[in-house]
Amino acid sequence: MVKVGLLVRLEAKPGKEQAVAEFLRGGLPLVEDEPATLTWYGIQLGPSTFGIFDTFPDEAGRKAHLGGKVAAALMASADDLFSSPPTIEMVDILASKGA
């Protein structure tokens, strides 16, 4: 059952929009090895605004993800790709429909 999630907002530096999109596409294989990451979405909200939305069954799964490969890659790339630090919001899932 999905109980918690993360909403991460990313603002690309000018000229880095394609690189951010590729970074997000490349993140999918990294999270496929995380059993507690139930869903993971790399999204584009506007011309230079991107995000990640993912869900977990519990707080332990969310914490494991935050300590995982995608989070490490995100922080390692932050200075090069993003105009400001990623905004990471912890969310509670109130309702969901499975795929």
N, C-alpha and C. Protein backbone atom coordinates (compact mmCIF):
# COMPACT_ATOMS: atom_id res chain seq x y z
N MET A 1 0.83 -1.19 0.00
CA MET A 1 0.00 0.00 0.00
C MET A 1 0.88 1.25 0.00
N VAL A 2 0.53 2.21 -0.81
CA VAL A 2 1.26 3.47 -0.92
C VAL A 2 0.85 4.38 0.24
N LYS A 3 1.85 4.84 1.00
CA LYS A 3 1.54 5.71 2.14
C LYS A 3 2.26 7.04 2.11
N VAL A 4 3.49 7.06 1.59
CA VAL A 4 4.28 8.30 1.59
C VAL A 4 4.95 8.49 0.25
N GLY A 5 5.41 9.71 0.00
CA GLY A 5 6.07 10.00 -1.25
C GLY A 5 7.04 11.15 -1.12
N LEU A 6 7.64 11.47 -2.26
CA LEU A 6 8.54 12.62 -2.38
C LEU A 6 8.13 13.42 -3.60
N LEU A 7 8.16 14.71 -3.49
CA LEU A 7 7.96 15.60 -4.60
C LEU A 7 9.20 16.49 -4.67
N VAL A 8 9.97 16.33 -5.73
CA VAL A 8 11.23 17.06 -5.89
C VAL A 8 11.08 18.01 -7.07
N ARG A 9 11.37 19.27 -6.84
CA ARG A 9 11.26 20.28 -7.90
C ARG A 9 12.67 20.69 -8.30
N LEU A 10 12.91 20.73 -9.63
CA LEU A 10 14.22 21.02 -10.18
C LEU A 10 14.11 22.15 -11.20
N GLU A 11 14.94 23.16 -11.09
CA GLU A 11 14.94 24.26 -12.05
C GLU A 11 16.27 24.22 -12.80
N ALA A 12 16.18 23.95 -14.11
CA ALA A 12 17.38 23.82 -14.94
C ALA A 12 18.05 25.18 -15.15
N LYS A 13 19.38 25.15 -15.19
CA LYS A 13 20.11 26.34 -15.59
C LYS A 13 19.81 26.62 -17.06
N PRO A 14 19.87 27.87 -17.48
CA PRO A 14 19.66 28.18 -18.90
C PRO A 14 20.60 27.35 -19.78
N GLY A 15 20.05 26.72 -20.79
CA GLY A 15 20.83 25.89 -21.69
C GLY A 15 21.02 24.46 -21.22
N LYS A 16 20.59 24.13 -20.01
CA LYS A 16 20.77 22.79 -19.45
C LYS A 16 19.48 21.97 -19.45
N GLU A 17 18.43 22.48 -20.09
CA GLU A 17 17.14 21.80 -20.05
C GLU A 17 17.21 20.38 -20.61
N GLN A 18 17.86 20.21 -21.74
CA GLN A 18 17.97 18.88 -22.34
C GLN A 18 18.79 17.95 -21.45
N ALA A 19 19.83 18.47 -20.83
CA ALA A 19 20.66 17.66 -19.94
C ALA A 19 19.86 17.19 -18.72
N VAL A 20 18.99 18.05 -18.20
CA VAL A 20 18.15 17.66 -17.06
C VAL A 20 17.16 16.58 -17.50
N ALA A 21 16.56 16.74 -18.68
CA ALA A 21 15.63 15.72 -19.18
C ALA A 21 16.35 14.38 -19.33
N GLU A 22 17.55 14.39 -19.86
CA GLU A 22 18.32 13.15 -20.01
C GLU A 22 18.71 12.57 -18.66
N PHE A 23 19.04 13.43 -17.72
CA PHE A 23 19.35 12.97 -16.36
C PHE A 23 18.16 12.21 -15.78
N LEU A 24 16.97 12.77 -15.93
CA LEU A 24 15.78 12.12 -15.40
C LEU A 24 15.50 10.80 -16.11
N ARG A 25 15.64 10.77 -17.41
CA ARG A 25 15.45 9.51 -18.14
C ARG A 25 16.45 8.45 -17.66
N GLY A 26 17.66 8.87 -17.38
CA GLY A 26 18.70 7.96 -16.92
C GLY A 26 18.50 7.49 -15.48
N GLY A 27 17.63 8.15 -14.73
CA GLY A 27 17.39 7.76 -13.35
C GLY A 27 16.54 6.51 -13.20
N LEU A 28 15.74 6.23 -14.21
CA LEU A 28 14.83 5.08 -14.11
C LEU A 28 15.54 3.76 -13.82
N PRO A 29 16.59 3.40 -14.54
CA PRO A 29 17.25 2.14 -14.23
C PRO A 29 17.80 2.07 -12.80
N LEU A 30 18.17 3.21 -12.25
CA LEU A 30 18.71 3.23 -10.89
C LEU A 30 17.66 2.87 -9.85
N VAL A 31 16.42 3.33 -10.05
CA VAL A 31 15.37 3.05 -9.06
C VAL A 31 14.72 1.69 -9.26
N GLU A 32 14.92 1.07 -10.41
CA GLU A 32 14.33 -0.25 -10.64
C GLU A 32 14.87 -1.29 -9.66
N ASP A 33 16.04 -1.04 -9.09
CA ASP A 33 16.63 -1.95 -8.11
C ASP A 33 16.20 -1.64 -6.68
N GLU A 34 15.30 -0.69 -6.49
CA GLU A 34 14.83 -0.32 -5.15
C GLU A 34 13.44 -0.92 -4.93
N PRO A 35 13.35 -2.03 -4.19
CA PRO A 35 12.05 -2.69 -4.02
C PRO A 35 11.00 -1.83 -3.32
N ALA A 36 11.41 -0.90 -2.48
CA ALA A 36 10.44 -0.08 -1.75
C ALA A 36 10.04 1.18 -2.51
N THR A 37 10.64 1.44 -3.68
CA THR A 37 10.19 2.54 -4.52
C THR A 37 9.09 1.98 -5.40
N LEU A 38 7.85 2.25 -5.02
CA LEU A 38 6.70 1.66 -5.71
C LEU A 38 6.43 2.32 -7.05
N THR A 39 6.53 3.64 -7.10
CA THR A 39 6.39 4.38 -8.36
C THR A 39 7.46 5.45 -8.39
N TRP A 40 7.89 5.80 -9.58
CA TRP A 40 8.90 6.85 -9.77
C TRP A 40 8.61 7.51 -11.10
N TYR A 41 8.49 8.82 -11.08
CA TYR A 41 8.20 9.59 -12.28
C TYR A 41 9.20 10.74 -12.41
N GLY A 42 9.84 10.85 -13.56
CA GLY A 42 10.59 12.03 -13.92
C GLY A 42 9.65 12.88 -14.76
N ILE A 43 9.43 14.13 -14.39
CA ILE A 43 8.41 14.95 -15.05
C ILE A 43 8.98 16.30 -15.48
N GLN A 44 8.32 16.91 -16.47
CA GLN A 44 8.64 18.26 -16.88
C GLN A 44 7.38 19.11 -16.67
N LEU A 45 7.54 20.18 -15.92
CA LEU A 45 6.42 21.05 -15.56
C LEU A 45 6.36 22.32 -16.41
N GLY A 46 7.44 22.67 -17.04
CA GLY A 46 7.52 23.87 -17.86
C GLY A 46 8.81 23.83 -18.65
N PRO A 47 9.14 24.89 -19.38
CA PRO A 47 10.32 24.88 -20.24
C PRO A 47 11.62 24.55 -19.50
N SER A 48 11.77 25.05 -18.27
CA SER A 48 13.00 24.79 -17.51
C SER A 48 12.73 24.18 -16.14
N THR A 49 11.48 23.84 -15.87
CA THR A 49 11.11 23.29 -14.56
C THR A 49 10.80 21.81 -14.71
N PHE A 50 11.48 21.02 -13.90
CA PHE A 50 11.36 19.58 -13.93
C PHE A 50 11.06 19.08 -12.52
N GLY A 51 10.81 17.79 -12.40
CA GLY A 51 10.56 17.24 -11.08
C GLY A 51 10.65 15.73 -11.05
N ILE A 52 10.59 15.23 -9.85
CA ILE A 52 10.51 13.79 -9.60
C ILE A 52 9.39 13.60 -8.60
N PHE A 53 8.53 12.63 -8.87
CA PHE A 53 7.51 12.23 -7.92
C PHE A 53 7.62 10.73 -7.75
N ASP A 54 7.76 10.29 -6.51
CA ASP A 54 7.85 8.86 -6.26
C ASP A 54 7.11 8.51 -4.98
N THR A 55 6.74 7.23 -4.88
CA THR A 55 5.93 6.78 -3.74
C THR A 55 6.54 5.53 -3.11
N PHE A 56 6.17 5.34 -1.83
CA PHE A 56 6.75 4.27 -1.01
C PHE A 56 5.69 3.71 -0.07
N PRO A 57 5.89 2.47 0.40
CA PRO A 57 4.91 1.89 1.31
C PRO A 57 5.02 2.43 2.74
N ASP A 58 6.19 2.98 3.07
CA ASP A 58 6.41 3.44 4.44
C ASP A 58 7.61 4.37 4.50
N GLU A 59 7.85 4.91 5.70
CA GLU A 59 8.96 5.84 5.90
C GLU A 59 10.31 5.18 5.67
N ALA A 60 10.44 3.91 6.01
CA ALA A 60 11.70 3.21 5.80
C ALA A 60 12.05 3.14 4.32
N GLY A 61 11.06 2.91 3.47
CA GLY A 61 11.29 2.88 2.03
C GLY A 61 11.71 4.24 1.49
N ARG A 62 11.06 5.27 2.00
CA ARG A 62 11.40 6.63 1.57
C ARG A 62 12.83 6.97 1.98
N LYS A 63 13.20 6.63 3.21
CA LYS A 63 14.56 6.91 3.69
C LYS A 63 15.60 6.13 2.89
N ALA A 64 15.28 4.88 2.55
CA ALA A 64 16.21 4.08 1.74
C ALA A 64 16.42 4.74 0.38
N HIS A 65 15.37 5.25 -0.21
CA HIS A 65 15.48 5.91 -1.50
C HIS A 65 16.32 7.18 -1.40
N LEU A 66 16.09 7.96 -0.36
CA LEU A 66 16.86 9.19 -0.17
C LEU A 66 18.35 8.92 0.01
N GLY A 67 18.69 7.72 0.46
CA GLY A 67 20.08 7.33 0.60
C GLY A 67 20.59 6.53 -0.59
N GLY A 68 19.79 6.45 -1.66
CA GLY A 68 20.12 5.61 -2.80
C GLY A 68 20.89 6.31 -3.91
N LYS A 69 21.00 5.61 -5.04
CA LYS A 69 21.81 6.06 -6.17
C LYS A 69 21.26 7.30 -6.86
N VAL A 70 19.94 7.39 -7.02
CA VAL A 70 19.38 8.56 -7.70
C VAL A 70 19.61 9.82 -6.88
N ALA A 71 19.39 9.74 -5.57
CA ALA A 71 19.62 10.90 -4.72
C ALA A 71 21.08 11.33 -4.76
N ALA A 72 22.00 10.37 -4.75
CA ALA A 72 23.42 10.68 -4.83
C ALA A 72 23.76 11.34 -6.16
N ALA A 73 23.22 10.82 -7.25
CA ALA A 73 23.47 11.39 -8.57
C ALA A 73 22.87 12.79 -8.68
N LEU A 74 21.70 12.98 -8.10
CA LEU A 74 21.04 14.28 -8.13
C LEU A 74 21.91 15.33 -7.44
N MET A 75 22.40 15.01 -6.26
CA MET A 75 23.21 15.96 -5.52
C MET A 75 24.57 16.18 -6.19
N ALA A 76 25.13 15.15 -6.80
CA ALA A 76 26.41 15.30 -7.49
C ALA A 76 26.29 16.19 -8.72
N SER A 77 25.13 16.21 -9.35
CA SER A 77 24.91 17.00 -10.57
C SER A 77 24.30 18.37 -10.31
N ALA A 78 23.93 18.65 -9.09
CA ALA A 78 23.17 19.86 -8.77
C ALA A 78 23.86 21.14 -9.23
N ASP A 79 25.12 21.31 -8.94
CA ASP A 79 25.81 22.56 -9.30
C ASP A 79 25.88 22.77 -10.80
N ASP A 80 26.02 21.69 -11.55
CA ASP A 80 26.15 21.79 -13.00
C ASP A 80 24.80 22.00 -13.70
N LEU A 81 23.75 21.33 -13.24
CA LEU A 81 22.48 21.31 -13.96
C LEU A 81 21.43 22.31 -13.49
N PHE A 82 21.43 22.63 -12.20
CA PHE A 82 20.30 23.36 -11.63
C PHE A 82 20.66 24.78 -11.19
N SER A 83 19.71 25.69 -11.40
CA SER A 83 19.94 27.09 -11.04
C SER A 83 19.77 27.34 -9.54
N SER A 84 19.15 26.40 -8.85
CA SER A 84 19.00 26.46 -7.40
C SER A 84 18.98 25.03 -6.87
N PRO A 85 19.24 24.84 -5.58
CA PRO A 85 19.22 23.48 -5.05
C PRO A 85 17.85 22.82 -5.24
N PRO A 86 17.82 21.51 -5.48
CA PRO A 86 16.53 20.82 -5.58
C PRO A 86 15.68 21.05 -4.33
N THR A 87 14.39 21.25 -4.54
CA THR A 87 13.44 21.37 -3.44
C THR A 87 12.82 19.99 -3.22
N ILE A 88 13.03 19.42 -2.04
CA ILE A 88 12.55 18.08 -1.74
C ILE A 88 11.45 18.19 -0.68
N GLU A 89 10.25 17.76 -1.05
CA GLU A 89 9.12 17.79 -0.13
C GLU A 89 8.67 16.38 0.21
N MET A 90 8.54 16.10 1.49
CA MET A 90 8.00 14.83 1.97
C MET A 90 6.48 14.95 1.93
N VAL A 91 5.82 14.02 1.29
CA VAL A 91 4.36 14.08 1.19
C VAL A 91 3.73 12.81 1.74
N ASP A 92 2.52 12.94 2.23
CA ASP A 92 1.72 11.81 2.65
C ASP A 92 0.70 11.53 1.54
N ILE A 93 0.52 10.30 1.18
CA ILE A 93 -0.43 9.93 0.14
C ILE A 93 -1.80 9.72 0.80
N LEU A 94 -2.78 10.50 0.42
CA LEU A 94 -4.11 10.42 0.99
C LEU A 94 -5.00 9.46 0.22
N ALA A 95 -4.79 9.33 -1.08
CA ALA A 95 -5.58 8.43 -1.90
C ALA A 95 -4.75 8.08 -3.13
N SER A 96 -4.94 6.89 -3.65
CA SER A 96 -4.20 6.49 -4.85
C SER A 96 -4.97 5.42 -5.60
N LYS A 97 -4.63 5.29 -6.87
CA LYS A 97 -5.19 4.23 -7.69
C LYS A 97 -4.01 3.52 -8.32
N GLY A 98 -3.91 2.23 -8.16
CA GLY A 98 -2.81 1.46 -8.73
C GLY A 98 -2.91 1.35 -10.24
N ALA A 99 -1.77 1.13 -10.86
CA ALA A 99 -1.72 1.00 -12.32
C ALA A 99 -2.20 -0.36 -12.74
